[in-house]
Amino acid sequence: MNNYTPKPIDTSDVELSPEILELTELLAKNTHDVWAVGRYAQGWTYGAERNDEEKKHPCLVEYEELSDDEKSYDRNTALETLKCIVKLGYTIEKK
């Protein structure tokens, strides 16, 4: 039996500055690239349809070529990471 209950840090009250929000897209692209590097290392290649047995995946393309639905996963990961950093008391500033 799995008793795992996810308990992410509540970031609903965190507002990010426009400058920090600009990082979201850059981090989302990087998140996709890190994922793709991992897939390639595991032997996956591009395929028009996902096929786990043949290790084919349609998202093994440039971030810019992804649909907005696919991009939203990476954007949400990036946004929640930035909000979590702020919620934990850290600051983010550009040099």
Protein backbone atom coordinates (compact mmCIF):
# COMPACT_ATOMS: atom_id res chain seq x y z
CA MET A 1 0.00 0.00 0.00
CA ASN A 2 1.26 3.43 -0.93
CA ASN A 3 0.84 5.99 1.84
CA TYR A 4 2.55 8.81 -0.03
CA THR A 5 0.73 12.13 0.24
CA PRO A 6 2.38 14.96 -1.68
CA LYS A 7 2.88 18.07 0.45
CA PRO A 8 4.40 20.79 -1.72
CA ILE A 9 5.25 24.10 -0.09
CA ASP A 10 2.28 26.46 -0.43
CA THR A 11 3.45 29.25 -2.71
CA SER A 12 0.00 30.68 -3.44
CA ASP A 13 0.82 33.90 -1.59
CA VAL A 14 4.12 34.54 -3.40
CA GLU A 15 4.17 37.29 -6.00
CA LEU A 16 7.19 37.49 -8.24
CA SER A 17 8.54 40.68 -9.75
CA PRO A 18 8.31 41.09 -13.53
CA GLU A 19 12.09 40.70 -13.75
CA ILE A 20 11.98 37.36 -11.94
CA LEU A 21 8.96 36.23 -13.96
CA GLU A 22 11.11 36.67 -17.08
CA LEU A 23 13.25 33.81 -15.78
CA THR A 24 10.31 31.43 -16.03
CA GLU A 25 10.63 30.90 -19.78
CA LEU A 26 14.43 30.59 -19.65
CA LEU A 27 14.21 28.00 -16.87
CA ALA A 28 11.39 26.17 -18.65
CA LYS A 29 13.54 25.82 -21.78
CA ASN A 30 16.45 24.60 -19.67
CA THR A 31 14.18 22.12 -17.85
CA HIS A 32 13.12 20.69 -21.21
CA ASP A 33 16.72 20.47 -22.39
CA VAL A 34 17.80 18.68 -19.18
CA TRP A 35 14.92 16.22 -19.64
CA ALA A 36 15.87 15.66 -23.30
CA VAL A 37 19.54 15.03 -22.45
CA GLY A 38 18.40 12.40 -19.95
CA ARG A 39 16.13 10.73 -22.50
CA TYR A 40 18.87 10.66 -25.15
CA ALA A 41 21.26 9.16 -22.59
CA GLN A 42 18.70 6.40 -21.99
CA GLY A 43 18.55 5.61 -25.71
CA TRP A 44 15.37 7.48 -26.61
CA THR A 45 14.94 9.11 -30.02
CA TYR A 46 12.33 11.30 -31.66
CA GLY A 47 9.13 9.63 -32.80
CA ALA A 48 5.90 11.20 -34.05
CA GLU A 49 4.05 9.20 -31.38
CA ARG A 50 5.26 8.07 -27.98
CA ASN A 51 6.30 4.43 -27.90
CA ASP A 52 7.89 3.29 -24.63
CA GLU A 53 8.92 -0.09 -26.03
CA GLU A 54 10.83 1.51 -28.93
CA LYS A 55 11.91 4.49 -26.81
CA LYS A 56 10.36 7.04 -29.17
CA HIS A 57 9.03 10.36 -27.90
CA PRO A 58 7.40 13.26 -29.80
CA CYS A 59 8.73 15.86 -27.35
CA LEU A 60 12.36 15.28 -28.29
CA VAL A 61 12.37 18.52 -30.27
CA GLU A 62 13.52 22.07 -29.59
CA TYR A 63 11.55 23.71 -26.77
CA GLU A 64 10.19 26.29 -29.21
CA GLU A 65 8.61 23.50 -31.29
CA LEU A 66 6.60 22.12 -28.37
CA SER A 67 2.88 22.80 -28.14
CA ASP A 68 1.75 25.27 -25.47
CA ASP A 69 0.30 22.33 -23.53
CA GLU A 70 3.71 20.65 -23.46
CA LYS A 71 5.48 23.91 -22.61
CA SER A 72 3.09 24.51 -19.71
CA TYR A 73 4.54 21.55 -17.78
CA ASP A 74 8.05 23.02 -17.93
CA ARG A 75 6.77 26.56 -17.28
CA ASN A 76 4.87 25.43 -14.19
CA THR A 77 7.91 23.58 -12.86
CA ALA A 78 10.07 26.69 -13.36
CA LEU A 79 7.48 29.06 -11.89
CA GLU A 80 6.86 26.93 -8.80
CA THR A 81 10.62 26.55 -8.27
CA LEU A 82 11.10 30.33 -8.36
CA LYS A 83 8.16 30.87 -6.01
CA CYS A 84 9.46 28.20 -3.63
CA ILE A 85 12.89 29.85 -3.51
CA VAL A 86 11.27 33.14 -2.50
CA LYS A 87 8.91 31.45 -0.02
CA LEU A 88 11.91 29.84 1.70
CA GLY A 89 13.41 33.28 2.29
CA TYR A 90 15.94 33.48 -0.51
CA THR A 91 16.30 36.36 -2.91
CA ILE A 92 16.95 36.22 -6.61
CA GLU A 93 18.70 39.12 -8.23
CA LYS A 94 20.38 39.70 -11.54
CA LYS A 95 23.99 40.83 -11.48
